[in-house]
Amino acid sequence: MISLFTAEGLSGLLFLGFIGLTLAGALIATNARSLIRSVAGLALCFLGIAGFYYYLNSPFVALMQILIYVGGVCVTIIFAVMLAGSSEVNKVSRHNVLVGPLAFLVSGLLVWGLAGLALKTEWHSSIFYVENWGTVANLGQSLLTTYSMSFELISVVLLVAVVGSLVLARQGRDK
């Protein structure tokens, strides 16, 4: 039995806090009627994910998660909502009543299947813990050697996203 006042107990409590923050942010993002509240829920969800990265001994990736997604993507979405016409952003429309229960059922099945797989798998703790794995030097070396193709493909995807946003912005609000 692990006590709450040990390092393992506090670590587990911190992990549960990150899970709660991520799930609360996801629920707010998907169920809010206002787009601004949805973006705030998305930011909370991203902060929970950054907590997972920090928990996995990768503080650089956690900081980049906060800077890029919370600081960049969420603020960009908020600016887009503020610049859009007021009639477009008042309320998020609900289309079908069955979407919510069906999504809940599918996500429950997914969680049930992943939990069953996790319980049946034999886990070795020495495989998952590598000393100083998330440092900037190790991350840079991995990006430029082992994962160089993925790194280049991400830059191409970002270039396509920027060009696509310029094409959409050129048409204006009315179209």
Protein backbone atom coordinates (compact mmCIF):
# COMPACT_ATOMS: atom_id res chain seq x y z
CA MET A 1 0.00 0.00 0.00
CA ILE A 2 1.48 3.33 -1.08
CA SER A 3 0.98 6.24 1.30
CA LEU A 4 -0.02 9.65 0.03
CA PHE A 5 2.91 11.26 1.86
CA THR A 6 5.60 9.36 -0.03
CA ALA A 7 7.19 10.34 -3.32
CA GLU A 8 5.26 7.66 -5.20
CA GLY A 9 1.96 8.74 -3.64
CA LEU A 10 2.46 12.41 -4.46
CA SER A 11 3.60 11.49 -7.95
CA GLY A 12 0.43 9.46 -8.47
CA LEU A 13 -1.68 12.31 -7.12
CA LEU A 14 0.05 14.73 -9.50
CA PHE A 15 -0.60 12.35 -12.40
CA LEU A 16 -4.28 12.13 -11.45
CA GLY A 17 -4.37 15.93 -11.34
CA PHE A 18 -3.02 16.09 -14.89
CA ILE A 19 -5.63 13.54 -15.99
CA GLY A 20 -8.37 15.60 -14.34
CA LEU A 21 -7.14 18.84 -15.91
CA THR A 22 -6.99 17.26 -19.36
CA LEU A 23 -10.44 15.67 -19.09
CA ALA A 24 -12.02 18.82 -17.65
CA GLY A 25 -10.54 20.92 -20.45
CA ALA A 26 -11.73 18.43 -23.06
CA LEU A 27 -15.26 18.41 -21.63
CA ILE A 28 -15.37 22.21 -21.53
CA ALA A 29 -14.02 22.43 -25.08
CA THR A 30 -16.57 20.02 -26.49
CA ASN A 31 -19.66 21.02 -24.51
CA ALA A 32 -19.42 24.81 -24.28
CA ARG A 33 -21.98 26.86 -26.18
CA SER A 34 -19.61 29.81 -26.67
CA LEU A 35 -16.54 29.56 -28.88
CA ILE A 36 -14.46 31.56 -26.41
CA ARG A 37 -15.26 29.08 -23.64
CA SER A 38 -14.45 26.21 -25.99
CA VAL A 39 -11.03 27.72 -26.67
CA ALA A 40 -10.48 28.20 -22.93
CA GLY A 41 -11.29 24.50 -22.44
CA LEU A 42 -8.88 23.63 -25.22
CA ALA A 43 -6.16 25.66 -23.47
CA LEU A 44 -6.85 23.77 -20.22
CA CYS A 45 -6.59 20.48 -22.08
CA PHE A 46 -3.28 21.56 -23.61
CA LEU A 47 -1.96 22.50 -20.16
CA GLY A 48 -2.85 19.02 -18.90
CA ILE A 49 -0.99 17.47 -21.82
CA ALA A 50 2.02 19.67 -21.00
CA GLY A 51 1.83 18.28 -17.47
CA PHE A 52 2.02 14.77 -18.89
CA TYR A 53 5.14 15.72 -20.83
CA TYR A 54 6.71 17.17 -17.71
CA TYR A 55 5.72 14.07 -15.76
CA LEU A 56 7.51 11.97 -18.41
CA ASN A 57 10.78 13.79 -17.64
CA SER A 58 10.68 16.01 -20.72
CA PRO A 59 10.49 19.61 -19.55
CA PHE A 60 11.51 21.05 -22.92
CA VAL A 61 8.61 19.38 -24.74
CA ALA A 62 6.25 20.48 -21.93
CA LEU A 63 7.39 24.08 -22.32
CA MET A 64 7.03 23.90 -26.09
CA GLN A 65 3.51 22.50 -25.63
CA ILE A 66 2.61 25.52 -23.53
CA LEU A 67 4.31 28.04 -25.82
CA ILE A 68 3.11 26.67 -29.15
CA TYR A 69 -0.33 25.30 -28.41
CA VAL A 70 -1.56 27.40 -25.50
CA GLY A 71 0.32 30.55 -26.42
CA GLY A 72 0.12 30.26 -30.18
CA VAL A 73 -2.79 28.16 -31.36
CA CYS A 74 -5.34 29.14 -28.72
CA VAL A 75 -4.51 32.84 -28.94
CA THR A 76 -4.73 32.65 -32.76
CA ILE A 77 -8.15 31.02 -32.52
CA ILE A 78 -9.31 33.72 -30.09
CA PHE A 79 -8.09 36.45 -32.47
CA ALA A 80 -9.90 34.74 -35.36
CA VAL A 81 -13.10 34.63 -33.30
CA MET A 82 -12.70 38.27 -32.35
CA LEU A 83 -12.11 39.33 -35.98
CA ALA A 84 -15.00 37.30 -37.37
CA GLY A 85 -18.44 38.79 -37.72
CA SER A 86 -20.49 38.82 -34.53
CA SER A 87 -23.34 36.80 -36.05
CA GLU A 88 -20.94 33.96 -36.87
CA VAL A 89 -19.62 33.40 -33.35
CA ASN A 90 -22.58 33.88 -31.05
CA LYS A 91 -23.57 30.27 -30.51
CA VAL A 92 -22.27 26.91 -31.60
CA SER A 93 -25.07 25.05 -33.32
CA ARG A 94 -26.08 21.56 -32.26
CA HIS A 95 -26.93 19.34 -35.20
CA ASN A 96 -27.86 15.90 -33.95
CA VAL A 97 -28.95 14.60 -30.56
CA LEU A 98 -27.28 11.20 -31.06
CA VAL A 99 -23.77 12.57 -31.57
CA GLY A 100 -23.03 13.06 -27.86
CA PRO A 101 -24.15 9.61 -26.62
CA LEU A 102 -22.54 7.90 -29.60
CA ALA A 103 -19.23 9.70 -28.97
CA PHE A 104 -19.45 8.77 -25.28
CA LEU A 105 -20.07 5.12 -26.19
CA VAL A 106 -17.18 4.98 -28.68
CA SER A 107 -14.77 6.68 -26.27
CA GLY A 108 -15.88 4.32 -23.48
CA LEU A 109 -15.17 1.32 -25.69
CA LEU A 110 -11.78 2.76 -26.60
CA VAL A 111 -10.88 3.35 -22.94
CA TRP A 112 -12.12 -0.14 -22.03
CA GLY A 113 -10.01 -1.73 -24.78
CA LEU A 114 -6.87 0.26 -23.94
CA ALA A 115 -7.28 -0.44 -20.22
CA GLY A 116 -7.64 -4.15 -20.93
CA LEU A 117 -4.54 -4.07 -23.10
CA ALA A 118 -2.59 -2.17 -20.45
CA LEU A 119 -3.57 -4.65 -17.75
CA LYS A 120 -2.59 -7.67 -19.86
CA THR A 121 0.76 -6.24 -20.95
CA GLU A 122 3.85 -7.03 -18.91
CA TRP A 123 5.53 -3.70 -18.20
CA HIS A 124 9.24 -3.31 -17.51
CA SER A 125 10.10 -0.10 -15.68
CA SER A 126 13.73 -0.02 -16.81
CA ILE A 127 12.66 0.39 -20.44
CA PHE A 128 10.67 3.56 -19.84
CA TYR A 129 13.02 5.55 -17.67
CA VAL A 130 16.09 6.95 -19.32
CA GLU A 131 18.19 9.49 -17.45
CA ASN A 132 17.97 13.01 -18.96
CA TRP A 133 16.06 11.83 -22.01
CA GLY A 134 14.12 15.07 -22.42
CA THR A 135 17.02 17.52 -22.46
CA VAL A 136 17.44 19.98 -25.30
CA ALA A 137 20.70 18.38 -26.47
CA ASN A 138 19.22 14.86 -26.67
CA LEU A 139 16.06 16.16 -28.31
CA GLY A 140 18.02 18.09 -30.94
CA GLN A 141 20.27 15.13 -31.63
CA SER A 142 17.23 12.85 -32.05
CA LEU A 143 15.45 15.31 -34.34
CA LEU A 144 18.45 15.68 -36.63
CA THR A 145 19.49 12.01 -36.73
CA THR A 146 16.82 9.41 -35.95
CA TYR A 147 13.72 11.50 -36.66
CA SER A 148 15.02 13.80 -39.39
CA MET A 149 12.41 12.70 -41.95
CA SER A 150 9.56 13.35 -39.50
CA PHE A 151 11.08 16.72 -38.66
CA GLU A 152 11.17 17.70 -42.34
CA LEU A 153 7.63 16.43 -42.96
CA ILE A 154 6.34 18.55 -40.08
CA SER A 155 7.92 21.62 -41.69
CA VAL A 156 6.19 20.79 -45.00
CA VAL A 157 2.83 20.37 -43.23
CA LEU A 158 3.30 23.74 -41.51
CA LEU A 159 4.17 25.36 -44.85
CA VAL A 160 1.00 23.93 -46.44
CA ALA A 161 -1.04 25.21 -43.46
CA VAL A 162 0.39 28.72 -43.82
CA VAL A 163 -0.25 28.78 -47.58
CA GLY A 164 -3.78 27.45 -47.05
CA SER A 165 -4.54 30.10 -44.45
CA LEU A 166 -3.26 32.80 -46.82
CA VAL A 167 -5.51 31.51 -49.59
CA LEU A 168 -8.50 31.48 -47.25
CA ALA A 169 -7.70 34.93 -45.88
CA ARG A 170 -7.42 36.39 -49.37
CA GLN A 171 -11.05 35.53 -50.15
CA GLY A 172 -12.28 37.67 -47.26
CA ARG A 173 -14.99 37.27 -44.65
CA ASP A 174 -17.96 37.27 -46.98
CA LYS A 175 -16.97 34.12 -48.86
